[in-house]
């Protein structure tokens, strides 16, 4: 008997989405059918399958199916544009894709043009000549039922400062099982002992499944026998309704989600009962001290926790509610089997407590590498197994980590990494654009937002609105510049390299004037 079966009766749904719910047995039966169908379609062990859906039950059916046959799941954002879909398919060299995306016919065409031989749709609309997941679910299977946790290895695309996305291989099969279990347990227990029984807990997941955090939350909860409520896409009012209806106890959010929910709850008054919340974990972006105070006032002082991690490293540190009240600017101390070092520029020299430097970490979740990129080089992963995060910070005498900035050129907007180089590359494709620079500016709701500055080619003409519209075809909505300013010349240094130093201040001034 599995832990999940011991805690909850087998007939009780553990994965809930809208008005639907499935038990672990139903999830396994569907996964076995899909695994057999994919095998018959030619997906081998080690094969690559793109999966792009909102937060829905079928994502986990497919993930389990890919785990059963040993295939890689290429995680793709369901909000990508057609161009981004084609680029991801070309990079990943996947032969199969399972999608639930707007404009499915255009997406299928883009996938096929990029070499995906077998696109499969999930939503209700069925396309002529295109397989539907329903056909795979009806496929006969000879695979034996299993109640054991089975996960397909995830490849999550993330970008460096070059703006070129790379597929992070997040499998942990190379990590000793007992060590990894201790690590996972510490990431779940760092906030202190729970007084509510496991049988009374319920997790809600609003984070996109195309990111590393969402799947982790779901799979760990299911393994523990804790029901999970999926929110297809975050909506503040629906989140309040789901918490009330399902008596949600645990929810992991980014600051913008929490800000919007608290603002709406305050406007609506006592319409929804949020008293079931026991653990509210905020990550993905710095947590403003004001938000910490608002949560304490609205939900109580012992609810909010925070942490630090990344796609490449997994979770690194966590901080309990009491510690967060005492150290509101810290993201906590390392989990079990995790080490953090602050080093001088280039990672050559460890620095003493209280000194700012580059953050290097060692965790059981360090990626094995990037898809088709070869092993990580010593400038990223050193001989002792420490990974260079690209973040700046310090560690105090008690071991608490503080993030102070980023070495890499990256914007965190609403908890999502946005890479200026990718936006700049898109803008430079416009025939009127000679050069483009993107910077991040503070935003009360999103944390940061991208703002673009453009220099036109000699004799060319283009308006700011035209260039913003141009970005719509090449960038997902969350990546698009919030504003754009055309300059006669971009600021450059003596050797002609664009300097960004003064642009954030100009962008902030423009932002304040636009309010």
Foldseek 3Di string as FASTA:
>chain_A
DALLCVLDPQQDFQEAEDPDGDGLQRLQLLLQLLLVVVVVVPQAQQAEEEEEAFFDSVVSSPFQNCLVRNYEYEQDYLLAFLQVLLLSCLVQVHQEYEHDHPPVVSNVVSNVVSRRNAYEYEDPDDDPPHHYSVVSSPGDGPDDGDSDDTGHFYFAWDDFLLLRTFTFGFDLPVPPPVQVVQQVVQVVDVQHDDPDDQSLAEEEAQDGPSFPPRVVVSSVNVSNSHGYYYDRHDDLVVVLVCCQVSVHAEYEFEQLSLVVNLVVCVVVDPPGDNQSHAEYEYELAFHDPVSLVSCCVPHNQFHYKYFDDHRQAPTFAIDHSVRCVVVVQFRHAGTRPKDKFFAAPQRPGTDDAPDKHWIKMADSRHTQPTPPPDGDDCSAANPVGIGGPQWMWGAHPVRIIGTDGGNTQWDRWRSDIAHQSNQFVQLCVPQFFPGKGWHWEQDPNGRTFIEMETATDVPGDDDFVRSQVSVVNRGRPRHGHPGYHYDNDADADPVRHGDCVCVRVVVVVVVVVVD
